[in-house]
Amino acid sequence: MVNFVQLPEGPPPVFTYDPPQTPYLDIVHQDEEILLLNKPAGLLSVPGKAQTHKDCLETRAQSRFPFAKPVHRLDMSTSGLLLFGINGPAHRYLSIGFERRLVDKTYHALVYGHMSEKEGQVDLPLTCDWPNRPRQKIDFETGRASQTSWHIVGFEGDHTRVALTPITGRSHQLRVHMASIGHPILGDRFYAHKEARKAAPRLMLHAGSLSFNRPRDGERMSFSAPCPF
């Protein structure tokens, strides 16, 4: 059995939703089939249940592209590339690519402390912590298989900059996996201990690159968004 650090328990802290208004819509690429946006940290990917949580990247995208639908999601606190299908066939094609793991994603993160190995992989099953949702937890009995590869990019003061590659795509996967090996992502209000949580003004996680096959002809397309931290 894999040894891992015990994650924080109990309900996540209460927050006030105050999404950034500029840039309102940061378009990285747009054509007749796809829309690729750079989501700012603090903005929901899709609408929340509360009326005060209706402002999101999907709603903003549909104000200009009425039929755009996101193919995947990013946590509210995560910034970076989010892919939309402009029409039904394109959305289905791209969604199948995600389901079959034909999409390559790389995230940038600043994590607590100095990691001792140059690279590695976290393989810990995850499930929703229902009484404290949306928090996730490690569960070897009912959790779904979840894997994350990582490698060190460099050291910044007392912390480590890493590139993260999710092999699976579970909710909060990168955040839970890094915290579980003792290197929580800085600014993570769900899974970081107090010192790591207060070490940054935001969650230091950014979806920096995305590669996928274009719907109309299968041509490989690759895009990147500069890391804002």
C-alpha atoms as a PDB file:
ATOM      1  CA  MET A   1       0.000   0.000   0.000  1.00  0.00           C
ATOM      2  CA  VAL A   2       1.174   3.512  -0.835  1.00  0.00           C
ATOM      3  CA  ASN A   3       2.048   5.706   2.131  1.00  0.00           C
ATOM      4  CA  PHE A   4       0.520   9.145   1.918  1.00  0.00           C
ATOM      5  CA  VAL A   5       0.004  12.244   4.019  1.00  0.00           C
ATOM      6  CA  GLN A   6      -3.365  12.564   5.742  1.00  0.00           C
ATOM      7  CA  LEU A   7      -5.400  15.282   4.046  1.00  0.00           C
ATOM      8  CA  PRO A   8      -7.379  17.960   5.911  1.00  0.00           C
ATOM      9  CA  GLU A   9     -10.814  16.822   7.031  1.00  0.00           C
ATOM     10  CA  GLY A  10     -14.113  18.577   7.517  1.00  0.00           C
ATOM     11  CA  PRO A  11     -16.051  21.026   5.352  1.00  0.00           C
ATOM     12  CA  PRO A  12     -14.134  23.349   3.012  1.00  0.00           C
ATOM     13  CA  PRO A  13     -13.872  26.997   4.079  1.00  0.00           C
ATOM     14  CA  VAL A  14     -16.658  29.368   3.096  1.00  0.00           C
ATOM     15  CA  PHE A  15     -15.862  31.754   0.263  1.00  0.00           C
ATOM     16  CA  THR A  16     -17.448  34.738  -1.454  1.00  0.00           C
ATOM     17  CA  TYR A  17     -17.728  34.371  -5.222  1.00  0.00           C
ATOM     18  CA  ASP A  18     -16.246  37.466  -6.832  1.00  0.00           C
ATOM     19  CA  PRO A  19     -14.979  36.436 -10.296  1.00  0.00           C
ATOM     20  CA  PRO A  20     -12.586  38.699 -12.202  1.00  0.00           C
ATOM     21  CA  GLN A  21     -14.239  40.779 -14.918  1.00  0.00           C
ATOM     22  CA  THR A  22     -11.156  41.538 -17.006  1.00  0.00           C
ATOM     23  CA  PRO A  23     -10.348  40.044 -19.333  1.00  0.00           C
ATOM     24  CA  TYR A  24     -13.991  39.089 -19.776  1.00  0.00           C
ATOM     25  CA  LEU A  25     -13.172  36.532 -22.495  1.00  0.00           C
ATOM     26  CA  ASP A  26      -9.563  35.629 -23.346  1.00  0.00           C
ATOM     27  CA  ILE A  27      -9.703  33.819 -26.715  1.00  0.00           C
ATOM     28  CA  VAL A  28      -6.644  31.733 -27.555  1.00  0.00           C
ATOM     29  CA  HIS A  29      -8.085  30.160 -30.726  1.00  0.00           C
ATOM     30  CA  GLN A  30     -11.416  30.137 -32.515  1.00  0.00           C
ATOM     31  CA  ASP A  31     -12.646  28.585 -35.768  1.00  0.00           C
ATOM     32  CA  GLU A  32     -15.873  27.056 -37.093  1.00  0.00           C
ATOM     33  CA  GLU A  33     -15.540  24.005 -34.825  1.00  0.00           C
ATOM     34  CA  ILE A  34     -13.625  24.855 -31.683  1.00  0.00           C
ATOM     35  CA  LEU A  35     -13.170  27.639 -29.186  1.00  0.00           C
ATOM     36  CA  LEU A  36     -10.178  27.642 -26.857  1.00  0.00           C
ATOM     37  CA  LEU A  37     -10.240  30.066 -23.946  1.00  0.00           C
ATOM     38  CA  ASN A  38      -7.784  31.034 -21.236  1.00  0.00           C
ATOM     39  CA  LYS A  39      -9.790  30.948 -17.997  1.00  0.00           C
ATOM     40  CA  PRO A  40      -8.718  33.251 -15.164  1.00  0.00           C
ATOM     41  CA  ALA A  41      -8.406  31.939 -11.629  1.00  0.00           C
ATOM     42  CA  GLY A  42     -11.529  32.641  -9.582  1.00  0.00           C
ATOM     43  CA  LEU A  43     -14.051  32.086 -12.392  1.00  0.00           C
ATOM     44  CA  LEU A  44     -16.270  28.997 -12.532  1.00  0.00           C
ATOM     45  CA  SER A  45     -16.102  26.865 -15.688  1.00  0.00           C
ATOM     46  CA  VAL A  46     -19.879  26.232 -15.691  1.00  0.00           C
ATOM     47  CA  PRO A  47     -22.759  27.828 -13.722  1.00  0.00           C
ATOM     48  CA  GLY A  48     -23.209  26.956 -10.078  1.00  0.00           C
ATOM     49  CA  LYS A  49     -26.606  26.210  -8.518  1.00  0.00           C
ATOM     50  CA  ALA A  50     -26.879  29.545  -6.727  1.00  0.00           C
ATOM     51  CA  GLN A  51     -28.015  32.565  -8.712  1.00  0.00           C
ATOM     52  CA  THR A  52     -24.895  34.387  -7.528  1.00  0.00           C
ATOM     53  CA  HIS A  53     -22.784  31.679  -9.223  1.00  0.00           C
ATOM     54  CA  LYS A  54     -24.223  32.072 -12.730  1.00  0.00           C
ATOM     55  CA  ASP A  55     -21.301  34.090 -14.051  1.00  0.00           C
ATOM     56  CA  CYS A  56     -18.894  31.532 -15.525  1.00  0.00           C
ATOM     57  CA  LEU A  57     -16.741  30.903 -18.567  1.00  0.00           C
ATOM     58  CA  GLU A  58     -19.478  28.904 -20.311  1.00  0.00           C
ATOM     59  CA  THR A  59     -21.996  31.749 -19.949  1.00  0.00           C
ATOM     60  CA  ARG A  60     -19.452  34.295 -21.127  1.00  0.00           C
ATOM     61  CA  ALA A  61     -18.509  32.141 -24.124  1.00  0.00           C
ATOM     62  CA  GLN A  62     -22.168  31.675 -25.102  1.00  0.00           C
ATOM     63  CA  SER A  63     -22.727  35.442 -25.065  1.00  0.00           C
ATOM     64  CA  ARG A  64     -20.633  35.486 -28.268  1.00  0.00           C
ATOM     65  CA  PHE A  65     -20.868  31.873 -29.439  1.00  0.00           C
ATOM     66  CA  PRO A  66     -24.402  30.704 -28.546  1.00  0.00           C
ATOM     67  CA  PHE A  67     -23.831  26.977 -29.177  1.00  0.00           C
ATOM     68  CA  ALA A  68     -20.431  26.659 -27.497  1.00  0.00           C
ATOM     69  CA  LYS A  69     -20.210  23.895 -24.887  1.00  0.00           C
ATOM     70  CA  PRO A  70     -17.158  23.045 -22.744  1.00  0.00           C
ATOM     71  CA  VAL A  71     -15.567  19.671 -23.395  1.00  0.00           C
ATOM     72  CA  HIS A  72     -13.964  19.506 -19.939  1.00  0.00           C
ATOM     73  CA  ARG A  73     -13.731  21.647 -16.813  1.00  0.00           C
ATOM     74  CA  LEU A  74     -11.192  23.407 -14.658  1.00  0.00           C
ATOM     75  CA  ASP A  75     -11.578  24.054 -10.945  1.00  0.00           C
ATOM     76  CA  MET A  76     -12.732  27.581 -10.185  1.00  0.00           C
ATOM     77  CA  SER A  77      -9.356  28.373  -8.593  1.00  0.00           C
ATOM     78  CA  THR A  78      -7.333  26.973 -11.520  1.00  0.00           C
ATOM     79  CA  SER A  79      -6.424  29.170 -14.478  1.00  0.00           C
ATOM     80  CA  GLY A  80      -5.631  28.116 -18.019  1.00  0.00           C
ATOM     81  CA  LEU A  81      -6.843  26.486 -21.199  1.00  0.00           C
ATOM     82  CA  LEU A  82     -10.444  25.322 -21.508  1.00  0.00           C
ATOM     83  CA  LEU A  83     -11.734  23.761 -24.733  1.00  0.00           C
ATOM     84  CA  PHE A  84     -15.231  24.247 -26.181  1.00  0.00           C
ATOM     85  CA  GLY A  85     -17.018  22.667 -29.124  1.00  0.00           C
ATOM     86  CA  ILE A  86     -18.794  25.273 -31.264  1.00  0.00           C
ATOM     87  CA  ASN A  87     -21.390  22.798 -32.589  1.00  0.00           C
ATOM     88  CA  GLY A  88     -22.816  19.407 -31.627  1.00  0.00           C
ATOM     89  CA  PRO A  89     -20.661  17.166 -33.859  1.00  0.00           C
ATOM     90  CA  ALA A  90     -17.456  18.964 -32.862  1.00  0.00           C
ATOM     91  CA  HIS A  91     -18.337  18.756 -29.176  1.00  0.00           C
ATOM     92  CA  ARG A  92     -19.026  15.008 -29.432  1.00  0.00           C
ATOM     93  CA  TYR A  93     -15.761  14.389 -31.306  1.00  0.00           C
ATOM     94  CA  LEU A  94     -13.698  16.314 -28.780  1.00  0.00           C
ATOM     95  CA  SER A  95     -15.489  14.678 -25.840  1.00  0.00           C
ATOM     96  CA  ILE A  96     -14.658  11.220 -27.199  1.00  0.00           C
ATOM     97  CA  GLY A  97     -11.025  12.302 -27.447  1.00  0.00           C
ATOM     98  CA  PHE A  98     -11.025  13.134 -23.739  1.00  0.00           C
ATOM     99  CA  GLU A  99     -12.787   9.874 -22.828  1.00  0.00           C
ATOM    100  CA  ARG A 100     -10.240   7.835 -24.814  1.00  0.00           C
ATOM    101  CA  ARG A 101      -7.304   9.793 -23.369  1.00  0.00           C
ATOM    102  CA  LEU A 102      -6.261  11.121 -26.768  1.00  0.00           C
ATOM    103  CA  VAL A 103      -5.773  14.609 -25.320  1.00  0.00           C
ATOM    104  CA  ASP A 104      -2.453  15.676 -23.799  1.00  0.00           C
ATOM    105  CA  LYS A 105      -2.563  18.199 -20.949  1.00  0.00           C
ATOM    106  CA  THR A 106       0.214  19.785 -18.928  1.00  0.00           C
ATOM    107  CA  TYR A 107      -0.277  21.919 -15.833  1.00  0.00           C
ATOM    108  CA  HIS A 108       2.147  24.259 -14.084  1.00  0.00           C
ATOM    109  CA  ALA A 109       2.178  24.363 -10.302  1.00  0.00           C
ATOM    110  CA  LEU A 110       4.107  25.750  -7.367  1.00  0.00           C
ATOM    111  CA  VAL A 111       4.128  23.261  -4.511  1.00  0.00           C
ATOM    112  CA  TYR A 112       5.185  23.463  -0.893  1.00  0.00           C
ATOM    113  CA  GLY A 113       8.737  22.508  -0.005  1.00  0.00           C
ATOM    114  CA  HIS A 114      11.583  21.012  -2.024  1.00  0.00           C
ATOM    115  CA  MET A 115      10.765  17.741  -3.740  1.00  0.00           C
ATOM    116  CA  SER A 116      13.599  15.243  -3.398  1.00  0.00           C
ATOM    117  CA  GLU A 117      13.077  13.248  -6.609  1.00  0.00           C
ATOM    118  CA  LYS A 118      13.322  14.707 -10.112  1.00  0.00           C
ATOM    119  CA  GLU A 119      10.146  13.032 -11.315  1.00  0.00           C
ATOM    120  CA  GLY A 120       7.547  10.514 -10.312  1.00  0.00           C
ATOM    121  CA  GLN A 121       3.962   9.332 -10.497  1.00  0.00           C
ATOM    122  CA  VAL A 122       1.182   9.379  -7.919  1.00  0.00           C
ATOM    123  CA  ASP A 123      -1.251   6.464  -8.141  1.00  0.00           C
ATOM    124  CA  LEU A 124      -3.958   6.882  -5.492  1.00  0.00           C
ATOM    125  CA  PRO A 125      -7.708   6.186  -5.967  1.00  0.00           C
ATOM    126  CA  LEU A 126     -10.083   9.091  -5.427  1.00  0.00           C
ATOM    127  CA  THR A 127     -13.728   9.477  -4.516  1.00  0.00           C
ATOM    128  CA  CYS A 128     -15.983  12.328  -3.443  1.00  0.00           C
ATOM    129  CA  ASP A 129     -16.057  13.126   0.256  1.00  0.00           C
ATOM    130  CA  TRP A 130     -19.839  13.473   0.121  1.00  0.00           C
ATOM    131  CA  PRO A 131     -20.448  15.047   3.540  1.00  0.00           C
ATOM    132  CA  ASN A 132     -17.849  17.689   2.671  1.00  0.00           C
ATOM    133  CA  ARG A 133     -18.276  18.000  -1.101  1.00  0.00           C
ATOM    134  CA  PRO A 134     -16.783  19.236  -3.324  1.00  0.00           C
ATOM    135  CA  ARG A 135     -13.782  17.998  -1.347  1.00  0.00           C
ATOM    136  CA  GLN A 136     -12.362  14.699  -2.606  1.00  0.00           C
ATOM    137  CA  LYS A 137     -10.586  11.984  -0.638  1.00  0.00           C
ATOM    138  CA  ILE A 138      -8.346   8.948  -1.097  1.00  0.00           C
ATOM    139  CA  ASP A 139     -10.242   5.684  -0.754  1.00  0.00           C
ATOM    140  CA  PHE A 140      -8.641   2.316  -1.524  1.00  0.00           C
ATOM    141  CA  GLU A 141     -11.975   0.480  -1.368  1.00  0.00           C
ATOM    142  CA  THR A 142     -14.386   2.608  -3.400  1.00  0.00           C
ATOM    143  CA  GLY A 143     -12.133   5.198  -5.071  1.00  0.00           C
ATOM    144  CA  ARG A 144     -11.641   5.353  -8.836  1.00  0.00           C
ATOM    145  CA  ALA A 145      -8.156   4.729 -10.216  1.00  0.00           C
ATOM    146  CA  SER A 146      -6.284   8.040 -10.536  1.00  0.00           C
ATOM    147  CA  GLN A 147      -2.754   8.705 -11.779  1.00  0.00           C
ATOM    148  CA  THR A 148      -0.678  11.862 -12.074  1.00  0.00           C
ATOM    149  CA  SER A 149       2.854  12.145 -13.471  1.00  0.00           C
ATOM    150  CA  TRP A 150       5.104  15.001 -12.410  1.00  0.00           C
ATOM    151  CA  HIS A 151       8.594  16.343 -12.938  1.00  0.00           C
ATOM    152  CA  ILE A 152      10.515  19.199 -11.377  1.00  0.00           C
ATOM    153  CA  VAL A 153      11.002  22.363 -13.414  1.00  0.00           C
ATOM    154  CA  GLY A 154      12.987  24.224 -10.767  1.00  0.00           C
ATOM    155  CA  PHE A 155      13.128  25.536  -7.222  1.00  0.00           C
ATOM    156  CA  GLU A 156      11.832  28.946  -6.173  1.00  0.00           C
ATOM    157  CA  GLY A 157      12.845  29.868  -2.650  1.00  0.00           C
ATOM    158  CA  ASP A 158      11.495  27.220  -0.303  1.00  0.00           C
ATOM    159  CA  HIS A 159       9.152  25.763  -2.900  1.00  0.00           C
ATOM    160  CA  THR A 160       9.201  23.697  -6.112  1.00  0.00           C
ATOM    161  CA  ARG A 161       7.849  24.490  -9.564  1.00  0.00           C
ATOM    162  CA  VAL A 162       6.565  21.327 -11.217  1.00  0.00           C
ATOM    163  CA  ALA A 163       4.934  20.232 -14.460  1.00  0.00           C
ATOM    164  CA  LEU A 164       1.971  17.946 -13.859  1.00  0.00           C
ATOM    165  CA  THR A 165       0.464  15.525 -16.373  1.00  0.00           C
ATOM    166  CA  PRO A 166      -2.879  13.989 -15.391  1.00  0.00           C
ATOM    167  CA  ILE A 167      -3.215  10.489 -16.827  1.00  0.00           C
ATOM    168  CA  THR A 168      -6.781  10.267 -15.569  1.00  0.00           C
ATOM    169  CA  GLY A 169      -9.116  13.219 -15.124  1.00  0.00           C
ATOM    170  CA  ARG A 170     -10.731  13.012 -11.694  1.00  0.00           C
ATOM    171  CA  SER A 171     -12.120  16.018  -9.867  1.00  0.00           C
ATOM    172  CA  HIS A 172      -9.416  17.847  -7.862  1.00  0.00           C
ATOM    173  CA  GLN A 173      -6.968  15.101  -8.856  1.00  0.00           C
ATOM    174  CA  LEU A 174      -3.812  17.201  -9.092  1.00  0.00           C
ATOM    175  CA  ARG A 175      -4.570  19.042  -5.860  1.00  0.00           C
ATOM    176  CA  VAL A 176      -5.254  15.878  -3.853  1.00  0.00           C
ATOM    177  CA  HIS A 177      -2.322  13.942  -5.305  1.00  0.00           C
ATOM    178  CA  MET A 178       0.255  16.635  -4.592  1.00  0.00           C
ATOM    179  CA  ALA A 179      -1.065  17.195  -1.069  1.00  0.00           C
ATOM    180  CA  SER A 180      -1.089  13.440  -0.462  1.00  0.00           C
ATOM    181  CA  ILE A 181       2.674  13.178  -1.029  1.00  0.00           C
ATOM    182  CA  GLY A 182       3.431  16.081   1.296  1.00  0.00           C
ATOM    183  CA  HIS A 183       3.771  18.841  -1.308  1.00  0.00           C
ATOM    184  CA  PRO A 184       0.406  20.655  -1.488  1.00  0.00           C
ATOM    185  CA  ILE A 185      -0.082  23.273  -4.167  1.00  0.00           C
ATOM    186  CA  LEU A 186       0.422  26.740  -2.712  1.00  0.00           C
ATOM    187  CA  GLY A 187      -2.770  28.661  -2.028  1.00  0.00           C
ATOM    188  CA  ASP A 188      -4.984  25.547  -2.001  1.00  0.00           C
ATOM    189  CA  ARG A 189      -7.780  26.300   0.463  1.00  0.00           C
ATOM    190  CA  PHE A 190      -9.178  22.725   0.258  1.00  0.00           C
ATOM    191  CA  TYR A 191      -6.142  20.488   0.724  1.00  0.00           C
ATOM    192  CA  ALA A 192      -3.122  22.535   1.827  1.00  0.00           C
ATOM    193  CA  HIS A 193      -2.053  22.948   5.430  1.00  0.00           C
ATOM    194  CA  LYS A 194      -2.129  26.463   6.873  1.00  0.00           C
ATOM    195  CA  GLU A 195       1.445  27.441   5.945  1.00  0.00           C
ATOM    196  CA  ALA A 196       1.105  26.322   2.322  1.00  0.00           C
ATOM    197  CA  ARG A 197      -2.370  27.837   2.022  1.00  0.00           C
ATOM    198  CA  LYS A 198      -1.142  31.257   3.098  1.00  0.00           C
ATOM    199  CA  ALA A 199       2.004  31.154   0.961  1.00  0.00           C
ATOM    200  CA  ALA A 200       0.180  32.422  -2.159  1.00  0.00           C
ATOM    201  CA  PRO A 201      -2.784  34.724  -2.911  1.00  0.00           C
ATOM    202  CA  ARG A 202      -4.381  32.154  -5.244  1.00  0.00           C
ATOM    203  CA  LEU A 203      -4.195  28.464  -6.096  1.00  0.00           C
ATOM    204  CA  MET A 204      -0.882  28.183  -7.920  1.00  0.00           C
ATOM    205  CA  LEU A 205      -2.138  25.805 -10.603  1.00  0.00           C
ATOM    206  CA  HIS A 206      -2.395  26.635 -14.298  1.00  0.00           C
ATOM    207  CA  ALA A 207      -3.490  24.528 -17.281  1.00  0.00           C
ATOM    208  CA  GLY A 208      -0.648  25.581 -19.537  1.00  0.00           C
ATOM    209  CA  SER A 209      -0.788  23.358 -22.618  1.00  0.00           C
ATOM    210  CA  LEU A 210      -3.339  21.284 -24.502  1.00  0.00           C
ATOM    211  CA  SER A 211      -2.998  19.013 -27.553  1.00  0.00           C
ATOM    212  CA  PHE A 212      -5.925  17.334 -29.311  1.00  0.00           C
ATOM    213  CA  ASN A 213      -7.145  16.162 -32.722  1.00  0.00           C
ATOM    214  CA  ARG A 214      -9.124  18.621 -34.844  1.00  0.00           C
ATOM    215  CA  PRO A 215     -12.679  17.379 -35.484  1.00  0.00           C
ATOM    216  CA  ARG A 216     -12.887  17.943 -39.225  1.00  0.00           C
ATOM    217  CA  ASP A 217      -9.739  16.090 -40.280  1.00  0.00           C
ATOM    218  CA  GLY A 218      -8.043  14.635 -37.181  1.00  0.00           C
ATOM    219  CA  GLU A 219      -5.031  16.911 -37.500  1.00  0.00           C
ATOM    220  CA  ARG A 220      -3.129  17.324 -34.236  1.00  0.00           C
ATOM    221  CA  MET A 221      -3.389  20.796 -32.737  1.00  0.00           C
ATOM    222  CA  SER A 222      -1.333  22.123 -29.834  1.00  0.00           C
ATOM    223  CA  PHE A 223      -1.775  25.314 -27.845  1.00  0.00           C
ATOM    224  CA  SER A 224      -0.271  26.939 -24.769  1.00  0.00           C
ATOM    225  CA  ALA A 225      -1.114  29.774 -22.378  1.00  0.00           C
ATOM    226  CA  PRO A 226       1.626  31.554 -20.416  1.00  0.00           C
ATOM    227  CA  CYS A 227       1.719  30.774 -16.732  1.00  0.00           C
ATOM    228  CA  PRO A 228       0.561  33.874 -14.802  1.00  0.00           C
ATOM    229  CA  PHE A 229       2.663  33.149 -11.696  1.00  0.00           C
END
